[in-house]
Amino acid sequence: MLDSIFGRECFLNEIIWAYDYGARAKNRWPTKHDNILVYVKNPAKYHFDNAEVDREPYMAPAS
């Protein structure tokens, strides 16, 4: 649906945001991630500056 709204050529990437908190479902596998689809207005003018991105360190769940 997003491709039809923004155009397939504007799709940039998919980010998986994983986490280990929230509800614990007993009758199904719990959702422990969100899929974030990234689109840009103009792919030809898009610029990514890796040095300017704030990053959160990945913390694996304790076993």
N, C-alpha and C. Protein backbone atom coordinates (compact mmCIF):
# COMPACT_ATOMS: atom_id res chain seq x y z
N MET A 1 0.82 -1.18 0.00
CA MET A 1 0.00 0.00 0.00
C MET A 1 0.88 1.27 0.00
N LEU A 2 1.96 1.24 0.79
CA LEU A 2 2.84 2.43 0.84
C LEU A 2 3.51 2.68 -0.51
N ASP A 3 3.85 1.61 -1.24
CA ASP A 3 4.41 1.80 -2.58
C ASP A 3 3.43 2.52 -3.49
N SER A 4 2.15 2.22 -3.37
CA SER A 4 1.16 2.88 -4.22
C SER A 4 0.96 4.34 -3.81
N ILE A 5 1.19 4.66 -2.54
CA ILE A 5 1.05 6.04 -2.07
C ILE A 5 2.28 6.87 -2.40
N PHE A 6 3.47 6.35 -2.02
CA PHE A 6 4.71 7.11 -2.16
C PHE A 6 5.49 6.80 -3.43
N GLY A 7 5.26 5.62 -4.01
CA GLY A 7 6.01 5.17 -5.18
C GLY A 7 7.10 4.21 -4.76
N ARG A 8 7.21 3.10 -5.47
CA ARG A 8 8.22 2.07 -5.13
C ARG A 8 9.63 2.65 -5.17
N GLU A 9 9.88 3.60 -6.06
CA GLU A 9 11.22 4.18 -6.19
C GLU A 9 11.62 5.00 -4.96
N CYS A 10 10.65 5.36 -4.12
CA CYS A 10 10.93 6.14 -2.91
C CYS A 10 11.18 5.27 -1.68
N PHE A 11 11.02 3.94 -1.83
CA PHE A 11 11.31 3.04 -0.71
C PHE A 11 12.81 3.00 -0.51
N LEU A 12 13.25 3.21 0.73
CA LEU A 12 14.69 3.24 1.02
C LEU A 12 15.14 2.00 1.76
N ASN A 13 14.44 1.65 2.86
CA ASN A 13 14.92 0.56 3.68
C ASN A 13 13.85 0.11 4.67
N GLU A 14 14.12 -1.01 5.33
CA GLU A 14 13.27 -1.50 6.40
C GLU A 14 14.13 -1.61 7.65
N ILE A 15 13.62 -1.09 8.75
CA ILE A 15 14.31 -1.15 10.03
C ILE A 15 13.50 -2.08 10.93
N ILE A 16 14.18 -3.00 11.59
CA ILE A 16 13.53 -3.87 12.56
C ILE A 16 13.93 -3.37 13.94
N TRP A 17 12.95 -2.90 14.71
CA TRP A 17 13.18 -2.39 16.05
C TRP A 17 12.79 -3.51 17.02
N ALA A 18 13.79 -4.18 17.58
CA ALA A 18 13.54 -5.31 18.48
C ALA A 18 13.62 -4.86 19.93
N TYR A 19 12.80 -5.48 20.77
CA TYR A 19 12.80 -5.15 22.18
C TYR A 19 12.40 -6.37 23.00
N ASP A 20 12.68 -6.32 24.27
CA ASP A 20 12.41 -7.45 25.15
C ASP A 20 11.60 -7.01 26.36
N TYR A 21 10.53 -6.30 26.13
CA TYR A 21 9.66 -5.88 27.22
C TYR A 21 8.23 -5.88 26.71
N GLY A 22 7.29 -5.70 27.58
CA GLY A 22 5.89 -5.65 27.17
C GLY A 22 5.14 -6.89 27.61
N ALA A 23 3.97 -7.04 27.06
CA ALA A 23 3.07 -8.12 27.46
C ALA A 23 3.64 -9.49 27.12
N ARG A 24 3.28 -10.45 27.91
CA ARG A 24 3.67 -11.85 27.68
C ARG A 24 2.41 -12.62 27.31
N ALA A 25 2.20 -12.83 26.04
CA ALA A 25 1.01 -13.55 25.58
C ALA A 25 1.13 -15.03 25.93
N LYS A 26 0.03 -15.63 26.35
CA LYS A 26 0.03 -17.04 26.73
C LYS A 26 -0.54 -17.94 25.62
N ASN A 27 -1.26 -17.35 24.67
CA ASN A 27 -1.89 -18.17 23.63
C ASN A 27 -1.28 -17.96 22.24
N ARG A 28 -0.17 -17.22 22.14
CA ARG A 28 0.52 -17.02 20.85
C ARG A 28 1.92 -16.51 21.13
N TRP A 29 2.76 -16.49 20.10
CA TRP A 29 4.10 -15.92 20.23
C TRP A 29 3.94 -14.41 20.39
N PRO A 30 4.58 -13.82 21.39
CA PRO A 30 4.45 -12.37 21.59
C PRO A 30 5.22 -11.58 20.53
N THR A 31 4.69 -10.42 20.19
CA THR A 31 5.38 -9.51 19.27
C THR A 31 6.51 -8.84 20.03
N LYS A 32 7.70 -9.01 19.55
CA LYS A 32 8.87 -8.42 20.20
C LYS A 32 9.68 -7.56 19.23
N HIS A 33 9.01 -7.09 18.19
CA HIS A 33 9.69 -6.20 17.24
C HIS A 33 8.65 -5.39 16.47
N ASP A 34 9.11 -4.28 15.92
CA ASP A 34 8.30 -3.46 15.02
C ASP A 34 9.04 -3.36 13.70
N ASN A 35 8.30 -3.40 12.60
CA ASN A 35 8.88 -3.19 11.27
C ASN A 35 8.62 -1.74 10.89
N ILE A 36 9.67 -1.01 10.59
CA ILE A 36 9.56 0.39 10.20
C ILE A 36 10.02 0.51 8.75
N LEU A 37 9.12 0.92 7.87
CA LEU A 37 9.44 1.09 6.46
C LEU A 37 9.83 2.55 6.23
N VAL A 38 10.98 2.76 5.60
CA VAL A 38 11.50 4.11 5.40
C VAL A 38 11.34 4.50 3.93
N TYR A 39 10.64 5.61 3.71
CA TYR A 39 10.48 6.18 2.37
C TYR A 39 11.07 7.59 2.37
N VAL A 40 11.57 8.02 1.23
CA VAL A 40 12.12 9.37 1.10
C VAL A 40 11.35 10.12 0.02
N LYS A 41 11.31 11.45 0.14
CA LYS A 41 10.58 12.25 -0.85
C LYS A 41 11.25 12.18 -2.22
N ASN A 42 12.58 12.32 -2.23
CA ASN A 42 13.30 12.35 -3.49
C ASN A 42 14.54 11.48 -3.37
N PRO A 43 14.51 10.26 -3.90
CA PRO A 43 15.67 9.37 -3.77
C PRO A 43 16.95 9.94 -4.36
N ALA A 44 16.85 10.76 -5.40
CA ALA A 44 18.04 11.33 -6.03
C ALA A 44 18.72 12.35 -5.13
N LYS A 45 17.97 13.00 -4.25
CA LYS A 45 18.54 14.02 -3.36
C LYS A 45 18.77 13.52 -1.94
N TYR A 46 18.47 12.24 -1.68
CA TYR A 46 18.63 11.70 -0.34
C TYR A 46 20.11 11.61 0.02
N HIS A 47 20.44 12.03 1.23
CA HIS A 47 21.82 11.96 1.73
C HIS A 47 21.81 11.34 3.12
N PHE A 48 22.64 10.34 3.33
CA PHE A 48 22.75 9.68 4.64
C PHE A 48 24.11 10.00 5.23
N ASP A 49 24.11 10.57 6.44
CA ASP A 49 25.35 10.91 7.13
C ASP A 49 25.47 10.01 8.35
N ASN A 50 26.25 8.96 8.22
CA ASN A 50 26.40 7.96 9.28
C ASN A 50 26.91 8.58 10.58
N ALA A 51 27.75 9.59 10.51
CA ALA A 51 28.31 10.22 11.71
C ALA A 51 27.26 10.98 12.51
N GLU A 52 26.17 11.39 11.89
CA GLU A 52 25.15 12.18 12.56
C GLU A 52 24.00 11.35 13.14
N VAL A 53 24.05 10.03 12.97
CA VAL A 53 22.97 9.16 13.44
C VAL A 53 23.20 8.80 14.89
N ASP A 54 22.20 9.07 15.75
CA ASP A 54 22.27 8.62 17.12
C ASP A 54 21.96 7.14 17.18
N ARG A 55 22.80 6.40 17.84
CA ARG A 55 22.60 4.96 17.91
C ARG A 55 22.42 4.52 19.35
N GLU A 56 21.53 3.59 19.53
CA GLU A 56 21.33 2.95 20.82
C GLU A 56 22.05 1.61 20.79
N PRO A 57 22.87 1.31 21.78
CA PRO A 57 23.56 0.01 21.76
C PRO A 57 22.55 -1.13 21.89
N TYR A 58 22.80 -2.20 21.19
CA TYR A 58 21.94 -3.38 21.28
C TYR A 58 22.23 -4.10 22.58
N MET A 59 21.20 -4.37 23.32
CA MET A 59 21.36 -5.10 24.58
C MET A 59 20.57 -6.40 24.48
N ALA A 60 21.28 -7.50 24.31
CA ALA A 60 20.63 -8.79 24.18
C ALA A 60 19.93 -9.14 25.49
N PRO A 61 18.78 -9.79 25.39
CA PRO A 61 18.07 -10.18 26.62
C PRO A 61 18.91 -11.14 27.46
N ALA A 62 18.79 -11.02 28.75
CA ALA A 62 19.50 -11.92 29.66
C ALA A 62 18.91 -13.32 29.58
N SER A 63 19.74 -14.30 29.64
CA SER A 63 19.26 -15.70 29.56
C SER A 63 18.87 -16.22 30.92
